[in-house]
PDB file of N, CA and C in Angstrom:
ATOM      1  N   MET A   1      36.655  -6.356 149.096  1.00  0.00           N
ATOM      2  CA  MET A   1      35.881  -7.762 148.496  1.00  0.00           C
ATOM      3  C   MET A   1      35.468  -7.476 147.262  1.00  0.00           C
ATOM      4  N   GLU A   2      35.570  -8.170 146.285  1.00  0.00           N
ATOM      5  CA  GLU A   2      35.272  -8.122 144.887  1.00  0.00           C
ATOM      6  C   GLU A   2      34.300  -9.230 144.554  1.00  0.00           C
ATOM      7  N   SER A   3      33.100  -8.966 143.834  1.00  0.00           N
ATOM      8  CA  SER A   3      32.214 -10.034 143.224  1.00  0.00           C
ATOM      9  C   SER A   3      31.787  -9.504 141.891  1.00  0.00           C
ATOM     10  N   SER A   4      30.977 -10.353 141.240  1.00  0.00           N
ATOM     11  CA  SER A   4      30.426 -10.188 140.000  1.00  0.00           C
ATOM     12  C   SER A   4      29.016 -10.651 140.002  1.00  0.00           C
ATOM     13  N   ILE A   5      28.094  -9.969 139.099  1.00  0.00           N
ATOM     14  CA  ILE A   5      26.676 -10.179 139.161  1.00  0.00           C
ATOM     15  C   ILE A   5      26.025 -10.002 137.732  1.00  0.00           C
ATOM     16  N   GLY A   6      25.177 -10.782 137.343  1.00  0.00           N
ATOM     17  CA  GLY A   6      24.587 -10.641 135.882  1.00  0.00           C
ATOM     18  C   GLY A   6      23.778  -9.350 135.920  1.00  0.00           C
ATOM     19  N   SER A   7      23.685  -8.860 134.673  1.00  0.00           N
ATOM     20  CA  SER A   7      22.892  -7.625 134.596  1.00  0.00           C
ATOM     21  C   SER A   7      21.462  -7.530 134.972  1.00  0.00           C
ATOM     22  N   TYR A   8      20.616  -8.540 134.816  1.00  0.00           N
ATOM     23  CA  TYR A   8      19.306  -8.659 135.161  1.00  0.00           C
ATOM     24  C   TYR A   8      19.185  -8.777 136.704  1.00  0.00           C
ATOM     25  N   GLU A   9      20.189  -9.512 137.314  1.00  0.00           N
ATOM     26  CA  GLU A   9      20.186  -9.547 138.804  1.00  0.00           C
ATOM     27  C   GLU A   9      20.583  -8.153 139.334  1.00  0.00           C
ATOM     28  N   ALA A  10      21.412  -7.509 138.697  1.00  0.00           N
ATOM     29  CA  ALA A  10      21.772  -6.136 139.167  1.00  0.00           C
ATOM     30  C   ALA A  10      20.596  -5.207 139.124  1.00  0.00           C
ATOM     31  N   LYS A  11      19.837  -5.256 138.042  1.00  0.00           N
ATOM     32  CA  LYS A  11      18.657  -4.536 137.878  1.00  0.00           C
ATOM     33  C   LYS A  11      17.614  -4.703 138.942  1.00  0.00           C
ATOM     34  N   THR A  12      17.462  -5.997 139.397  1.00  0.00           N
ATOM     35  CA  THR A  12      16.344  -6.177 140.243  1.00  0.00           C
ATOM     36  C   THR A  12      16.826  -6.033 141.783  1.00  0.00           C
ATOM     37  N   HIS A  13      18.157  -6.202 142.019  1.00  0.00           N
ATOM     38  CA  HIS A  13      18.686  -5.842 143.432  1.00  0.00           C
ATOM     39  C   HIS A  13      19.593  -4.612 143.482  1.00  0.00           C
ATOM     40  N   LEU A  14      19.350  -3.578 142.687  1.00  0.00           N
ATOM     41  CA  LEU A  14      20.187  -2.433 142.701  1.00  0.00           C
ATOM     42  C   LEU A  14      20.404  -1.761 144.094  1.00  0.00           C
ATOM     43  N   PRO A  15      19.331  -1.665 144.795  1.00  0.00           N
ATOM     44  CA  PRO A  15      19.372  -0.996 146.223  1.00  0.00           C
ATOM     45  C   PRO A  15      20.399  -1.842 147.211  1.00  0.00           C
ATOM     46  N   GLN A  16      20.182  -3.088 147.062  1.00  0.00           N
ATOM     47  CA  GLN A  16      21.151  -4.023 147.931  1.00  0.00           C
ATOM     48  C   GLN A  16      22.558  -3.823 147.425  1.00  0.00           C
ATOM     49  N   LEU A  17      22.742  -3.794 146.019  1.00  0.00           N
ATOM     50  CA  LEU A  17      24.181  -3.746 145.545  1.00  0.00           C
ATOM     51  C   LEU A  17      24.809  -2.261 146.140  1.00  0.00           C
ATOM     52  N   LEU A  18      23.969  -1.327 145.952  1.00  0.00           N
ATOM     53  CA  LEU A  18      24.528   0.049 146.386  1.00  0.00           C
ATOM     54  C   LEU A  18      24.785   0.049 147.869  1.00  0.00           C
ATOM     55  N   GLU A  19      24.140  -0.780 148.712  1.00  0.00           N
ATOM     56  CA  GLU A  19      24.520  -0.825 150.110  1.00  0.00           C
ATOM     57  C   GLU A  19      25.805  -1.518 150.213  1.00  0.00           C
ATOM     58  N   ARG A  20      25.926  -2.615 149.537  1.00  0.00           N
ATOM     59  CA  ARG A  20      27.246  -3.334 149.526  1.00  0.00           C
ATOM     60  C   ARG A  20      28.373  -2.538 149.164  1.00  0.00           C
ATOM     61  N   VAL A  21      28.271  -1.784 148.000  1.00  0.00           N
ATOM     62  CA  VAL A  21      29.205  -0.893 147.507  1.00  0.00           C
ATOM     63  C   VAL A  21      29.620   0.211 148.696  1.00  0.00           C
ATOM     64  N   ALA A  22      28.551   0.740 149.101  1.00  0.00           N
ATOM     65  CA  ALA A  22      28.816   1.765 150.218  1.00  0.00           C
ATOM     66  C   ALA A  22      29.565   1.108 151.304  1.00  0.00           C
ATOM     67  N   LYS A  23      29.678  -0.074 151.469  1.00  0.00           N
ATOM     68  CA  LYS A  23      30.409  -0.692 152.687  1.00  0.00           C
ATOM     69  C   LYS A  23      31.831  -1.076 152.176  1.00  0.00           C
ATOM     70  N   GLY A  24      32.151  -0.738 151.039  1.00  0.00           N
ATOM     71  CA  GLY A  24      33.535  -0.847 150.339  1.00  0.00           C
ATOM     72  C   GLY A  24      33.657  -2.087 149.182  1.00  0.00           C
ATOM     73  N   GLU A  25      32.677  -2.700 148.994  1.00  0.00           N
ATOM     74  CA  GLU A  25      32.753  -3.807 148.056  1.00  0.00           C
ATOM     75  C   GLU A  25      32.805  -3.290 146.587  1.00  0.00           C
ATOM     76  N   ARG A  26      33.513  -3.985 145.795  1.00  0.00           N
ATOM     77  CA  ARG A  26      33.540  -3.740 144.444  1.00  0.00           C
ATOM     78  C   ARG A  26      32.892  -4.726 143.652  1.00  0.00           C
ATOM     79  N   ILE A  27      31.693  -4.320 142.711  1.00  0.00           N
ATOM     80  CA  ILE A  27      30.935  -5.353 141.994  1.00  0.00           C
ATOM     81  C   ILE A  27      30.980  -5.101 140.581  1.00  0.00           C
ATOM     82  N   THR A  28      31.402  -6.202 139.855  1.00  0.00           N
ATOM     83  CA  THR A  28      31.324  -6.169 138.403  1.00  0.00           C
ATOM     84  C   THR A  28      30.023  -6.573 137.849  1.00  0.00           C
ATOM     85  N   ILE A  29      29.436  -5.922 137.059  1.00  0.00           N
ATOM     86  CA  ILE A  29      28.083  -6.298 136.332  1.00  0.00           C
ATOM     87  C   ILE A  29      28.328  -6.934 135.062  1.00  0.00           C
ATOM     88  N   MET A  30      28.070  -8.077 134.822  1.00  0.00           N
ATOM     89  CA  MET A  30      28.324  -8.801 133.664  1.00  0.00           C
ATOM     90  C   MET A  30      26.962  -9.177 132.829  1.00  0.00           C
ATOM     91  N   LYS A  31      27.378  -9.073 131.494  1.00  0.00           N
ATOM     92  CA  LYS A  31      26.251  -9.357 130.524  1.00  0.00           C
ATOM     93  C   LYS A  31      26.653 -10.376 129.695  1.00  0.00           C
ATOM     94  N   ARG A  32      26.111 -11.656 129.702  1.00  0.00           N
ATOM     95  CA  ARG A  32      26.363 -12.777 128.915  1.00  0.00           C
ATOM     96  C   ARG A  32      27.843 -13.164 129.204  1.00  0.00           C
ATOM     97  N   GLY A  33      28.364 -12.953 130.424  1.00  0.00           N
ATOM     98  CA  GLY A  33      29.769 -13.423 130.741  1.00  0.00           C
ATOM     99  C   GLY A  33      30.816 -12.244 130.353  1.00  0.00           C
ATOM    100  N   VAL A  34      30.328 -11.269 129.952  1.00  0.00           N
ATOM    101  CA  VAL A  34      31.214 -10.052 129.545  1.00  0.00           C
ATOM    102  C   VAL A  34      30.982  -8.960 130.512  1.00  0.00           C
ATOM    103  N   PRO A  35      32.144  -8.421 131.287  1.00  0.00           N
ATOM    104  CA  PRO A  35      32.164  -7.329 132.144  1.00  0.00           C
ATOM    105  C   PRO A  35      31.626  -6.022 131.361  1.00  0.00           C
ATOM    106  N   MET A  36      30.557  -5.370 131.887  1.00  0.00           N
ATOM    107  CA  MET A  36      29.922  -4.275 131.366  1.00  0.00           C
ATOM    108  C   MET A  36      30.115  -3.074 132.117  1.00  0.00           C
ATOM    109  N   ALA A  37      30.183  -3.204 133.469  1.00  0.00           N
ATOM    110  CA  ALA A  37      30.384  -2.090 134.365  1.00  0.00           C
ATOM    111  C   ALA A  37      30.925  -2.574 135.754  1.00  0.00           C
ATOM    112  N   VAL A  38      31.390  -1.521 136.407  1.00  0.00           N
ATOM    113  CA  VAL A  38      32.069  -1.826 137.740  1.00  0.00           C
ATOM    114  C   VAL A  38      31.402  -0.927 138.566  1.00  0.00           C
ATOM    115  N   LEU A  39      30.785  -1.398 139.667  1.00  0.00           N
ATOM    116  CA  LEU A  39      30.413  -0.420 140.918  1.00  0.00           C
ATOM    117  C   LEU A  39      31.353  -0.333 141.885  1.00  0.00           C
ATOM    118  N   VAL A  40      31.860   0.819 142.169  1.00  0.00           N
ATOM    119  CA  VAL A  40      32.949   1.042 143.196  1.00  0.00           C
ATOM    120  C   VAL A  40      32.625   2.108 144.101  1.00  0.00           C
ATOM    121  N   PRO A  41      33.163   2.152 145.427  1.00  0.00           N
ATOM    122  CA  PRO A  41      32.928   3.128 146.346  1.00  0.00           C
ATOM    123  C   PRO A  41      33.422   4.422 145.841  1.00  0.00           C
ATOM    124  N   PRO A  42      32.944   5.636 145.970  1.00  0.00           N
ATOM    125  CA  PRO A  42      33.432   6.876 145.356  1.00  0.00           C
ATOM    126  C   PRO A  42      34.788   7.245 145.901  1.00  0.00           C
ATOM    127  N   GLU A  43      35.112   6.693 147.065  1.00  0.00           N
ATOM    128  CA  GLU A  43      36.548   7.224 147.649  1.00  0.00           C
ATOM    129  C   GLU A  43      37.576   6.405 146.842  1.00  0.00           C
ATOM    130  N   SER A  44      37.324   5.393 146.048  1.00  0.00           N
ATOM    131  CA  SER A  44      38.332   4.433 145.524  1.00  0.00           C
ATOM    132  C   SER A  44      38.472   5.036 143.941  1.00  0.00           C
ATOM    133  N   VAL A  45      37.681   6.110 143.689  1.00  0.00           N
ATOM    134  CA  VAL A  45      37.888   6.715 142.279  1.00  0.00           C
ATOM    135  C   VAL A  45      38.851   7.883 142.290  1.00  0.00           C
ATOM    136  N   LYS A  46      39.638   7.893 141.383  1.00  0.00           N
ATOM    137  CA  LYS A  46      40.615   9.090 141.462  1.00  0.00           C
ATOM    138  C   LYS A  46      39.917  10.507 141.101  1.00  0.00           C
ATOM    139  N   PRO A  47      40.027  11.454 141.835  1.00  0.00           N
ATOM    140  CA  PRO A  47      39.394  12.766 141.460  1.00  0.00           C
ATOM    141  C   PRO A  47      39.554  13.377 140.175  1.00  0.00           C
ATOM    142  N   GLN A  48      38.472  13.686 139.519  1.00  0.00           N
ATOM    143  CA  GLN A  48      38.725  14.376 138.083  1.00  0.00           C
ATOM    144  C   GLN A  48      39.453  15.831 138.129  1.00  0.00           C
ATOM    145  N   THR A  49      40.053  16.106 137.168  1.00  0.00           N
ATOM    146  CA  THR A  49      40.844  17.321 137.152  1.00  0.00           C
ATOM    147  C   THR A  49      39.818  18.570 136.970  1.00  0.00           C
ATOM    148  N   THR A  50      39.943  19.434 137.674  1.00  0.00           N
ATOM    149  CA  THR A  50      38.932  20.644 137.708  1.00  0.00           C
ATOM    150  C   THR A  50      39.211  21.485 136.331  1.00  0.00           C
ATOM    151  N   PRO A  51      38.146  22.222 135.796  1.00  0.00           N
ATOM    152  CA  PRO A  51      38.600  23.038 134.746  1.00  0.00           C
ATOM    153  C   PRO A  51      39.827  23.980 134.934  1.00  0.00           C
ATOM    154  N   LYS A  52      39.768  24.544 136.092  1.00  0.00           N
ATOM    155  CA  LYS A  52      40.817  25.480 136.251  1.00  0.00           C
ATOM    156  C   LYS A  52      42.291  24.884 136.384  1.00  0.00           C
ATOM    157  N   ASP A  53      42.311  23.515 136.941  1.00  0.00           N
ATOM    158  CA  ASP A  53      43.589  22.856 136.808  1.00  0.00           C
ATOM    159  C   ASP A  53      43.991  22.529 135.249  1.00  0.00           C
ATOM    160  N   ALA A  54      42.849  22.138 134.523  1.00  0.00           N
ATOM    161  CA  ALA A  54      43.164  21.798 133.228  1.00  0.00           C
ATOM    162  C   ALA A  54      43.692  23.018 132.336  1.00  0.00           C
ATOM    163  N   VAL A  55      43.214  24.085 132.713  1.00  0.00           N
ATOM    164  CA  VAL A  55      43.591  25.434 131.845  1.00  0.00           C
ATOM    165  C   VAL A  55      45.014  25.678 132.333  1.00  0.00           C
ATOM    166  N   GLN A  56      45.290  25.701 133.655  1.00  0.00           N
ATOM    167  CA  GLN A  56      46.597  25.842 134.002  1.00  0.00           C
ATOM    168  C   GLN A  56      47.681  24.946 133.515  1.00  0.00           C
ATOM    169  N   ALA A  57      47.296  23.618 133.260  1.00  0.00           N
ATOM    170  CA  ALA A  57      48.061  22.589 132.716  1.00  0.00           C
ATOM    171  C   ALA A  57      48.387  23.031 131.245  1.00  0.00           C
ATOM    172  N   MET A  58      47.483  23.281 130.684  1.00  0.00           N
ATOM    173  CA  MET A  58      47.548  23.889 129.081  1.00  0.00           C
ATOM    174  C   MET A  58      48.386  24.993 128.964  1.00  0.00           C
ATOM    175  N   LYS A  59      48.316  26.127 129.889  1.00  0.00           N
ATOM    176  CA  LYS A  59      49.069  27.071 129.861  1.00  0.00           C
ATOM    177  C   LYS A  59      50.576  26.732 130.122  1.00  0.00           C
ATOM    178  N   ARG A  60      50.946  25.927 131.078  1.00  0.00           N
ATOM    179  CA  ARG A  60      52.252  25.488 131.356  1.00  0.00           C
ATOM    180  C   ARG A  60      52.916  24.810 130.109  1.00  0.00           C
ATOM    181  N   PHE A  61      52.005  23.877 129.500  1.00  0.00           N
ATOM    182  CA  PHE A  61      52.536  23.104 128.335  1.00  0.00           C
ATOM    183  C   PHE A  61      52.731  24.118 127.215  1.00  0.00           C
ATOM    184  N   GLN A  62      51.839  25.102 126.948  1.00  0.00           N
ATOM    185  CA  GLN A  62      52.113  26.008 125.929  1.00  0.00           C
ATOM    186  C   GLN A  62      53.443  26.950 126.132  1.00  0.00           C
ATOM    187  N   LYS A  63      53.577  27.216 127.364  1.00  0.00           N
ATOM    188  CA  LYS A  63      54.881  28.044 127.728  1.00  0.00           C
ATOM    189  C   LYS A  63      56.142  27.131 127.592  1.00  0.00           C
ATOM    190  N   GLU A  64      56.028  25.974 127.985  1.00  0.00           N
ATOM    191  CA  GLU A  64      57.253  25.060 127.807  1.00  0.00           C
ATOM    192  C   GLU A  64      57.589  24.586 126.387  1.00  0.00           C
ATOM    193  N   SER A  65      56.439  24.461 125.572  1.00  0.00           N
ATOM    194  CA  SER A  65      56.783  23.969 124.350  1.00  0.00           C
ATOM    195  C   SER A  65      56.632  25.008 123.160  1.00  0.00           C
ATOM    196  N   ALA A  66      56.824  26.337 123.489  1.00  0.00           N
ATOM    197  CA  ALA A  66      56.689  27.245 122.579  1.00  0.00           C
ATOM    198  C   ALA A  66      57.782  27.031 121.612  1.00  0.00           C
ATOM    199  N   PRO A  67      57.408  27.209 120.199  1.00  0.00           N
ATOM    200  CA  PRO A  67      58.266  27.125 119.111  1.00  0.00           C
ATOM    201  C   PRO A  67      59.347  28.406 119.237  1.00  0.00           C
ATOM    202  N   THR A  68      60.560  27.926 118.901  1.00  0.00           N
ATOM    203  CA  THR A  68      61.573  29.034 118.668  1.00  0.00           C
ATOM    204  C   THR A  68      62.262  29.208 117.435  1.00  0.00           C
ATOM    205  N   LEU A  69      62.902  30.258 117.043  1.00  0.00           N
ATOM    206  CA  LEU A  69      63.517  30.615 115.758  1.00  0.00           C
ATOM    207  C   LEU A  69      64.993  30.861 116.231  1.00  0.00           C
ATOM    208  N   GLY A  70      65.675  30.002 116.751  1.00  0.00           N
ATOM    209  CA  GLY A  70      66.994  30.137 117.264  1.00  0.00           C
ATOM    210  C   GLY A  70      67.132  30.082 118.701  1.00  0.00           C
ATOM    211  N   PRO A  71      68.276  30.481 119.296  1.00  0.00           N
ATOM    212  CA  PRO A  71      68.433  30.325 120.790  1.00  0.00           C
ATOM    213  C   PRO A  71      67.756  31.456 121.541  1.00  0.00           C
ATOM    214  N   GLY A  72      66.654  31.039 122.100  1.00  0.00           N
ATOM    215  CA  GLY A  72      65.971  32.086 123.066  1.00  0.00           C
ATOM    216  C   GLY A  72      64.960  33.134 122.103  1.00  0.00           C
ATOM    217  N   ILE A  73      64.765  32.928 120.903  1.00  0.00           N
ATOM    218  CA  ILE A  73      63.803  33.729 120.197  1.00  0.00           C
ATOM    219  C   ILE A  73      62.641  32.963 119.910  1.00  0.00           C
ATOM    220  N   THR A  74      61.459  33.498 120.411  1.00  0.00           N
ATOM    221  CA  THR A  74      60.093  32.778 120.173  1.00  0.00           C
ATOM    222  C   THR A  74      59.388  33.450 119.144  1.00  0.00           C
ATOM    223  N   ILE A  75      58.508  32.854 118.466  1.00  0.00           N
ATOM    224  CA  ILE A  75      57.494  33.499 117.405  1.00  0.00           C
ATOM    225  C   ILE A  75      56.825  34.684 118.214  1.00  0.00           C
ATOM    226  N   ARG A  76      56.333  34.587 119.288  1.00  0.00           N
ATOM    227  CA  ARG A  76      55.763  35.610 120.170  1.00  0.00           C
ATOM    228  C   ARG A  76      56.693  36.917 120.192  1.00  0.00           C
ATOM    229  N   GLU A  77      57.882  36.622 120.402  1.00  0.00           N
ATOM    230  CA  GLU A  77      58.766  37.748 120.577  1.00  0.00           C
ATOM    231  C   GLU A  77      58.855  38.390 119.081  1.00  0.00           C
ATOM    232  N   MET A  78      58.957  37.661 118.166  1.00  0.00           N
ATOM    233  CA  MET A  78      58.960  38.191 116.884  1.00  0.00           C
ATOM    234  C   MET A  78      57.948  38.893 116.501  1.00  0.00           C
ATOM    235  N   ILE A  79      56.761  38.560 116.729  1.00  0.00           N
ATOM    236  CA  ILE A  79      55.299  39.148 116.464  1.00  0.00           C
ATOM    237  C   ILE A  79      55.568  40.445 117.184  1.00  0.00           C
ATOM    238  N   GLU A  80      55.854  40.592 118.428  1.00  0.00           N
ATOM    239  CA  GLU A  80      55.914  41.724 119.250  1.00  0.00           C
ATOM    240  C   GLU A  80      56.803  42.642 118.731  1.00  0.00           C
ATOM    241  N   GLU A  81      58.069  42.200 118.172  1.00  0.00           N
ATOM    242  CA  GLU A  81      59.011  43.075 117.608  1.00  0.00           C
ATOM    243  C   GLU A  81      58.525  43.801 116.301  1.00  0.00           C
ATOM    244  N   GLY A  82      57.778  43.057 115.550  1.00  0.00           N
ATOM    245  CA  GLY A  82      57.136  43.575 114.380  1.00  0.00           C
ATOM    246  C   GLY A  82      56.221  44.622 114.630  1.00  0.00           C
ATOM    247  N   ARG A  83      55.400  44.548 115.691  1.00  0.00           N
ATOM    248  CA  ARG A  83      54.422  45.493 116.107  1.00  0.00           C
ATOM    249  C   ARG A  83      55.017  46.836 116.442  1.00  0.00           C
ATOM    250  N   ARG A  84      56.201  46.767 116.904  1.00  0.00           N
ATOM    251  CA  ARG A  84      57.014  48.077 117.316  1.00  0.00           C
ATOM    252  C   ARG A  84      57.246  48.921 116.172  1.00  0.00           C
ATOM    253  N   PHE A  85      57.383  48.264 114.978  1.00  0.00           N
ATOM    254  CA  PHE A  85      57.829  49.132 113.859  1.00  0.00           C
ATOM    255  C   PHE A  85      56.697  49.390 112.825  1.00  0.00           C
TER     256      PHE A  85
END
């Protein structure tokens, strides 16, 4: 179920609104007819990415999009080659 409420009314009736949201209702808070916020049950919100997942995603991206200098030669390989001499 979805409903909307004015910001002043939301301020004065917040505990009751939270109970309604806990039961699964979605409530939009309006200010002068403009939506300002939405109260939703926590289970309806997509979980945030953990820092560990973000780091792993960045490492995968870095590995997949590494610049190359010809077929199969990466800048990293050239740097390592230069260190040997």
